Amino acid sequence: MAEHIDAGKLDKPAQVLELRETTAGIWEWVPLRRAWANITFQAKSNLFSQVGVGARDAAIVIRRQPLTLHNALRLGEQHLFLTSITDRGRGHLDVDAALVTVDTVRLRPDGTTDGMTFPGVLTEKYVRHEQEWPMSVNELGLVLVTPKAISLRPGCLVEVRGAAWEVLAPHELDPYKNEYEIGRRVDL
């Protein structure tokens, strides 16, 4: 059994978030409730993506409540992507999370799919450089991590951070999130 935590140490007001379709085709993280938490930002990385790189880790203790890995937490303007929830005992939960930046992603309509807007997290995958005469081309690759409710098909285009990206490979076996390798070519 983990050590007891004093109620006074739960000193940070976090919001428990849930993904909802707020209007047709627009998905957003919406607050469900406030939860007082003890949050410690770690020096290590949290590998929230199976095919991308990690982000800064946060160790969180909160009172036991309905919470799954489908939820997220917000502390001020910081978004915490939940990666593990375990019972601490004596009425508390230990939660591991990745400190991430959430981007608004727009799925471009293509005739077979309607447009949609949803939250996503970008993480690095690789950067490849090839020389083509007389110019150079970079093939940029990122991983887009989305909530499980968001499903994308290979070949569709998404817009994020002012650029269009093609969905190259889906990774959808995780029960709580989907990951998509996305890419685009950039002339140097």
C-alpha atoms as a PDB file:
ATOM      1  CA  MET A   1       0.000   0.000   0.000  1.00  0.00           C
ATOM      2  CA  ALA A   2       1.284   3.437  -0.898  1.00  0.00           C
ATOM      3  CA  GLU A   3       1.868   6.043   1.751  1.00  0.00           C
ATOM      4  CA  HIS A   4      -1.009   8.168   2.984  1.00  0.00           C
ATOM      5  CA  ILE A   5      -1.294  11.629   1.476  1.00  0.00           C
ATOM      6  CA  ASP A   6      -2.450  14.545   3.580  1.00  0.00           C
ATOM      7  CA  ALA A   7      -5.473  16.393   2.153  1.00  0.00           C
ATOM      8  CA  GLY A   8      -3.513  19.658   2.371  1.00  0.00           C
ATOM      9  CA  LYS A   9      -1.059  18.355  -0.223  1.00  0.00           C
ATOM     10  CA  LEU A  10      -3.853  18.189  -2.810  1.00  0.00           C
ATOM     11  CA  ASP A  11      -3.245  21.860  -3.520  1.00  0.00           C
ATOM     12  CA  LYS A  12      -3.602  22.311  -7.274  1.00  0.00           C
ATOM     13  CA  PRO A  13      -7.057  22.886  -8.824  1.00  0.00           C
ATOM     14  CA  ALA A  14      -7.152  20.658 -11.914  1.00  0.00           C
ATOM     15  CA  GLN A  15     -10.104  20.199 -14.243  1.00  0.00           C
ATOM     16  CA  VAL A  16     -11.190  16.715 -15.307  1.00  0.00           C
ATOM     17  CA  LEU A  17     -11.916  16.854 -19.050  1.00  0.00           C
ATOM     18  CA  GLU A  18     -14.057  14.720 -21.341  1.00  0.00           C
ATOM     19  CA  LEU A  19     -14.102  14.673 -25.146  1.00  0.00           C
ATOM     20  CA  ARG A  20     -17.493  15.665 -26.572  1.00  0.00           C
ATOM     21  CA  GLU A  21     -18.937  16.552 -29.937  1.00  0.00           C
ATOM     22  CA  THR A  22     -20.129  20.046 -28.967  1.00  0.00           C
ATOM     23  CA  THR A  23     -21.753  20.739 -32.354  1.00  0.00           C
ATOM     24  CA  ALA A  24     -21.955  18.630 -35.494  1.00  0.00           C
ATOM     25  CA  GLY A  25     -18.416  17.799 -36.587  1.00  0.00           C
ATOM     26  CA  ILE A  26     -16.682  19.765 -33.805  1.00  0.00           C
ATOM     27  CA  TRP A  27     -15.046  17.748 -31.020  1.00  0.00           C
ATOM     28  CA  GLU A  28     -13.610  19.493 -27.956  1.00  0.00           C
ATOM     29  CA  TRP A  29     -12.244  18.761 -24.501  1.00  0.00           C
ATOM     30  CA  VAL A  30     -14.910  20.036 -22.090  1.00  0.00           C
ATOM     31  CA  PRO A  31     -14.592  20.344 -18.291  1.00  0.00           C
ATOM     32  CA  LEU A  32     -16.561  17.835 -16.192  1.00  0.00           C
ATOM     33  CA  ARG A  33     -15.536  18.872 -12.697  1.00  0.00           C
ATOM     34  CA  ARG A  34     -12.726  20.290 -10.595  1.00  0.00           C
ATOM     35  CA  ALA A  35     -10.426  17.918  -8.759  1.00  0.00           C
ATOM     36  CA  TRP A  36      -7.805  19.010  -6.244  1.00  0.00           C
ATOM     37  CA  ALA A  37      -4.518  17.305  -7.030  1.00  0.00           C
ATOM     38  CA  ASN A  38      -0.915  16.961  -5.999  1.00  0.00           C
ATOM     39  CA  ILE A  39       1.052  17.308  -9.254  1.00  0.00           C
ATOM     40  CA  THR A  40       4.794  16.816  -9.521  1.00  0.00           C
ATOM     41  CA  PHE A  41       6.486  17.416 -12.873  1.00  0.00           C
ATOM     42  CA  GLN A  42       9.244  14.866 -13.388  1.00  0.00           C
ATOM     43  CA  ALA A  43      12.567  15.171 -15.210  1.00  0.00           C
ATOM     44  CA  LYS A  44      11.848  11.948 -17.135  1.00  0.00           C
ATOM     45  CA  SER A  45       9.800  11.515 -20.304  1.00  0.00           C
ATOM     46  CA  ASN A  46       6.361   9.963 -20.494  1.00  0.00           C
ATOM     47  CA  LEU A  47       6.006   7.773 -23.586  1.00  0.00           C
ATOM     48  CA  PHE A  48       2.364   8.622 -24.311  1.00  0.00           C
ATOM     49  CA  SER A  49       2.812   7.573 -27.963  1.00  0.00           C
ATOM     50  CA  GLN A  50       3.894   4.116 -29.106  1.00  0.00           C
ATOM     51  CA  VAL A  51       5.350   5.392 -32.409  1.00  0.00           C
ATOM     52  CA  GLY A  52       6.460   8.919 -31.477  1.00  0.00           C
ATOM     53  CA  VAL A  53       8.705  10.471 -28.877  1.00  0.00           C
ATOM     54  CA  GLY A  54       7.593  11.223 -25.338  1.00  0.00           C
ATOM     55  CA  ALA A  55       6.801  14.393 -23.421  1.00  0.00           C
ATOM     56  CA  ARG A  56       7.536  15.621 -19.908  1.00  0.00           C
ATOM     57  CA  ASP A  57       6.047  13.348 -17.247  1.00  0.00           C
ATOM     58  CA  ALA A  58       3.711  14.404 -14.453  1.00  0.00           C
ATOM     59  CA  ALA A  59       2.981  12.310 -11.349  1.00  0.00           C
ATOM     60  CA  ILE A  60      -0.463  13.130  -9.981  1.00  0.00           C
ATOM     61  CA  VAL A  61      -2.332  12.134  -6.838  1.00  0.00           C
ATOM     62  CA  ILE A  62      -6.078  12.845  -6.661  1.00  0.00           C
ATOM     63  CA  ARG A  63      -9.015  11.620  -4.626  1.00  0.00           C
ATOM     64  CA  ARG A  64     -10.680   8.484  -5.968  1.00  0.00           C
ATOM     65  CA  GLN A  65     -13.353   9.413  -8.518  1.00  0.00           C
ATOM     66  CA  PRO A  66     -14.708   8.198 -11.855  1.00  0.00           C
ATOM     67  CA  LEU A  67     -11.654   8.623 -14.100  1.00  0.00           C
ATOM     68  CA  THR A  68     -10.390   6.621 -17.091  1.00  0.00           C
ATOM     69  CA  LEU A  69      -7.682   7.039 -19.701  1.00  0.00           C
ATOM     70  CA  HIS A  70     -10.402   8.468 -21.985  1.00  0.00           C
ATOM     71  CA  ASN A  71     -10.309  11.591 -19.774  1.00  0.00           C
ATOM     72  CA  ALA A  72      -7.646  14.292 -19.562  1.00  0.00           C
ATOM     73  CA  LEU A  73      -6.704  16.871 -16.945  1.00  0.00           C
ATOM     74  CA  ARG A  74      -6.094  20.597 -17.316  1.00  0.00           C
ATOM     75  CA  LEU A  75      -3.997  22.586 -14.862  1.00  0.00           C
ATOM     76  CA  GLY A  76      -4.343  26.249 -15.797  1.00  0.00           C
ATOM     77  CA  GLU A  77      -3.376  26.274 -19.481  1.00  0.00           C
ATOM     78  CA  GLN A  78      -1.444  22.987 -19.269  1.00  0.00           C
ATOM     79  CA  HIS A  79      -3.007  19.855 -20.785  1.00  0.00           C
ATOM     80  CA  LEU A  80      -2.210  16.540 -19.118  1.00  0.00           C
ATOM     81  CA  PHE A  81      -2.630  13.452 -21.321  1.00  0.00           C
ATOM     82  CA  LEU A  82      -3.400  10.538 -18.970  1.00  0.00           C
ATOM     83  CA  THR A  83      -1.309   7.387 -19.477  1.00  0.00           C
ATOM     84  CA  SER A  84      -1.838   5.360 -16.291  1.00  0.00           C
ATOM     85  CA  ILE A  85      -4.280   5.238 -13.371  1.00  0.00           C
ATOM     86  CA  THR A  86      -3.687   3.023 -10.338  1.00  0.00           C
ATOM     87  CA  ASP A  87      -5.401   2.727  -6.983  1.00  0.00           C
ATOM     88  CA  ARG A  88      -3.217   4.257  -4.274  1.00  0.00           C
ATOM     89  CA  GLY A  89      -5.386   3.053  -1.408  1.00  0.00           C
ATOM     90  CA  ARG A  90      -7.102   5.095   1.320  1.00  0.00           C
ATOM     91  CA  GLY A  91      -9.300   6.905  -1.190  1.00  0.00           C
ATOM     92  CA  HIS A  92      -6.709   8.194  -3.667  1.00  0.00           C
ATOM     93  CA  LEU A  93      -5.517   7.469  -7.213  1.00  0.00           C
ATOM     94  CA  ASP A  94      -2.005   7.680  -8.646  1.00  0.00           C
ATOM     95  CA  VAL A  95      -2.126   9.061 -12.175  1.00  0.00           C
ATOM     96  CA  ASP A  96       0.715   9.355 -14.674  1.00  0.00           C
ATOM     97  CA  ALA A  97       0.330  11.906 -17.447  1.00  0.00           C
ATOM     98  CA  ALA A  98       2.276  13.549 -20.246  1.00  0.00           C
ATOM     99  CA  LEU A  99       2.449  17.338 -20.376  1.00  0.00           C
ATOM    100  CA  VAL A 100       1.435  18.032 -23.993  1.00  0.00           C
ATOM    101  CA  THR A 101       0.298  20.819 -26.282  1.00  0.00           C
ATOM    102  CA  VAL A 102      -3.136  20.224 -27.773  1.00  0.00           C
ATOM    103  CA  ASP A 103      -3.669  21.514 -31.309  1.00  0.00           C
ATOM    104  CA  THR A 104      -6.934  22.053 -33.143  1.00  0.00           C
ATOM    105  CA  VAL A 105      -6.905  19.713 -36.145  1.00  0.00           C
ATOM    106  CA  ARG A 106      -9.225  20.018 -39.124  1.00  0.00           C
ATOM    107  CA  LEU A 107     -10.049  17.057 -41.324  1.00  0.00           C
ATOM    108  CA  ARG A 108     -10.482  18.312 -44.879  1.00  0.00           C
ATOM    109  CA  PRO A 109     -13.689  17.076 -46.547  1.00  0.00           C
ATOM    110  CA  ASP A 110     -12.888  14.996 -49.632  1.00  0.00           C
ATOM    111  CA  GLY A 111     -16.252  13.847 -50.945  1.00  0.00           C
ATOM    112  CA  THR A 112     -16.220  10.602 -48.957  1.00  0.00           C
ATOM    113  CA  THR A 113     -15.791  12.200 -45.532  1.00  0.00           C
ATOM    114  CA  ASP A 114     -17.291  15.337 -44.063  1.00  0.00           C
ATOM    115  CA  GLY A 115     -15.009  17.920 -42.547  1.00  0.00           C
ATOM    116  CA  MET A 116     -14.430  17.680 -38.827  1.00  0.00           C
ATOM    117  CA  THR A 117     -12.510  19.608 -36.168  1.00  0.00           C
ATOM    118  CA  PHE A 118     -10.961  17.825 -33.198  1.00  0.00           C
ATOM    119  CA  PRO A 119      -8.142  18.099 -30.648  1.00  0.00           C
ATOM    120  CA  GLY A 120      -4.888  16.296 -31.358  1.00  0.00           C
ATOM    121  CA  VAL A 121      -1.359  16.081 -30.030  1.00  0.00           C
ATOM    122  CA  LEU A 122       1.630  16.184 -32.374  1.00  0.00           C
ATOM    123  CA  THR A 123       4.861  14.426 -31.556  1.00  0.00           C
ATOM    124  CA  GLU A 124       7.998  13.891 -33.614  1.00  0.00           C
ATOM    125  CA  LYS A 125       8.610  10.755 -35.618  1.00  0.00           C
ATOM    126  CA  TYR A 126      11.471  11.417 -38.010  1.00  0.00           C
ATOM    127  CA  VAL A 127      12.865  13.881 -40.520  1.00  0.00           C
ATOM    128  CA  ARG A 128      14.374  12.534 -43.716  1.00  0.00           C
ATOM    129  CA  HIS A 129      16.397  14.577 -46.228  1.00  0.00           C
ATOM    130  CA  GLU A 130      17.006  13.602 -49.823  1.00  0.00           C
ATOM    131  CA  GLN A 131      18.853  15.441 -52.569  1.00  0.00           C
ATOM    132  CA  GLU A 132      16.924  15.848 -55.812  1.00  0.00           C
ATOM    133  CA  TRP A 133      18.675  17.726 -58.543  1.00  0.00           C
ATOM    134  CA  PRO A 134      18.555  20.759 -58.655  1.00  0.00           C
ATOM    135  CA  MET A 135      16.765  21.182 -55.321  1.00  0.00           C
ATOM    136  CA  SER A 136      16.479  19.483 -51.969  1.00  0.00           C
ATOM    137  CA  VAL A 137      13.314  18.035 -50.478  1.00  0.00           C
ATOM    138  CA  ASN A 138      12.545  17.252 -46.854  1.00  0.00           C
ATOM    139  CA  GLU A 139      10.011  14.579 -46.076  1.00  0.00           C
ATOM    140  CA  LEU A 140       8.559  15.605 -42.759  1.00  0.00           C
ATOM    141  CA  GLY A 141       6.908  13.010 -40.587  1.00  0.00           C
ATOM    142  CA  LEU A 142       5.018  13.464 -37.341  1.00  0.00           C
ATOM    143  CA  VAL A 143       2.674  11.398 -35.235  1.00  0.00           C
ATOM    144  CA  LEU A 144      -0.811  12.738 -34.533  1.00  0.00           C
ATOM    145  CA  VAL A 145      -2.295  11.307 -31.332  1.00  0.00           C
ATOM    146  CA  THR A 146      -6.089  11.627 -31.052  1.00  0.00           C
ATOM    147  CA  PRO A 147      -8.763  10.521 -28.611  1.00  0.00           C
ATOM    148  CA  LYS A 148     -10.258   7.113 -29.446  1.00  0.00           C
ATOM    149  CA  ALA A 149     -13.488   8.660 -30.787  1.00  0.00           C
ATOM    150  CA  ILE A 150     -11.550  10.229 -33.683  1.00  0.00           C
ATOM    151  CA  SER A 151     -10.942   7.857 -36.591  1.00  0.00           C
ATOM    152  CA  LEU A 152      -9.011   8.847 -39.722  1.00  0.00           C
ATOM    153  CA  ARG A 153      -8.339   6.838 -42.860  1.00  0.00           C
ATOM    154  CA  PRO A 154      -5.035   6.663 -44.722  1.00  0.00           C
ATOM    155  CA  GLY A 155      -4.808   9.176 -47.549  1.00  0.00           C
ATOM    156  CA  CYS A 156      -7.046  11.835 -46.018  1.00  0.00           C
ATOM    157  CA  LEU A 157      -5.681  15.316 -45.366  1.00  0.00           C
ATOM    158  CA  VAL A 158      -5.625  17.087 -42.023  1.00  0.00           C
ATOM    159  CA  GLU A 159      -4.688  20.691 -41.327  1.00  0.00           C
ATOM    160  CA  VAL A 160      -2.739  21.462 -38.192  1.00  0.00           C
ATOM    161  CA  ARG A 161      -0.494  24.415 -37.304  1.00  0.00           C
ATOM    162  CA  GLY A 162      -1.218  26.054 -40.661  1.00  0.00           C
ATOM    163  CA  ALA A 163      -0.085  23.164 -42.866  1.00  0.00           C
ATOM    164  CA  ALA A 164      -1.767  20.273 -44.660  1.00  0.00           C
ATOM    165  CA  TRP A 165      -0.592  16.763 -43.757  1.00  0.00           C
ATOM    166  CA  GLU A 166      -1.481  13.414 -45.312  1.00  0.00           C
ATOM    167  CA  VAL A 167      -2.455  10.541 -43.024  1.00  0.00           C
ATOM    168  CA  LEU A 168       0.017   7.787 -43.910  1.00  0.00           C
ATOM    169  CA  ALA A 169      -0.393   4.952 -41.410  1.00  0.00           C
ATOM    170  CA  PRO A 170      -2.953   4.372 -38.656  1.00  0.00           C
ATOM    171  CA  HIS A 171      -2.138   2.738 -35.305  1.00  0.00           C
ATOM    172  CA  GLU A 172      -5.552   2.103 -33.737  1.00  0.00           C
ATOM    173  CA  LEU A 173      -5.148  -0.917 -31.438  1.00  0.00           C
ATOM    174  CA  ASP A 174      -4.840   1.041 -28.186  1.00  0.00           C
ATOM    175  CA  PRO A 175      -8.245   1.081 -26.430  1.00  0.00           C
ATOM    176  CA  TYR A 176      -7.898   4.730 -25.326  1.00  0.00           C
ATOM    177  CA  LYS A 177      -6.276   6.605 -28.214  1.00  0.00           C
ATOM    178  CA  ASN A 178      -5.462   6.442 -31.913  1.00  0.00           C
ATOM    179  CA  GLU A 179      -2.117   7.361 -33.413  1.00  0.00           C
ATOM    180  CA  TYR A 180      -1.562   8.359 -37.016  1.00  0.00           C
ATOM    181  CA  GLU A 181       1.699   8.810 -38.839  1.00  0.00           C
ATOM    182  CA  ILE A 182       1.278  11.943 -40.936  1.00  0.00           C
ATOM    183  CA  GLY A 183       3.642  13.401 -43.511  1.00  0.00           C
ATOM    184  CA  ARG A 184       4.291  16.054 -46.121  1.00  0.00           C
ATOM    185  CA  ARG A 185       7.069  17.035 -48.522  1.00  0.00           C
ATOM    186  CA  VAL A 186       8.734  20.410 -48.252  1.00  0.00           C
ATOM    187  CA  ASP A 187      11.065  21.938 -50.850  1.00  0.00           C
ATOM    188  CA  LEU A 188      14.167  23.540 -49.409  1.00  0.00           C
END
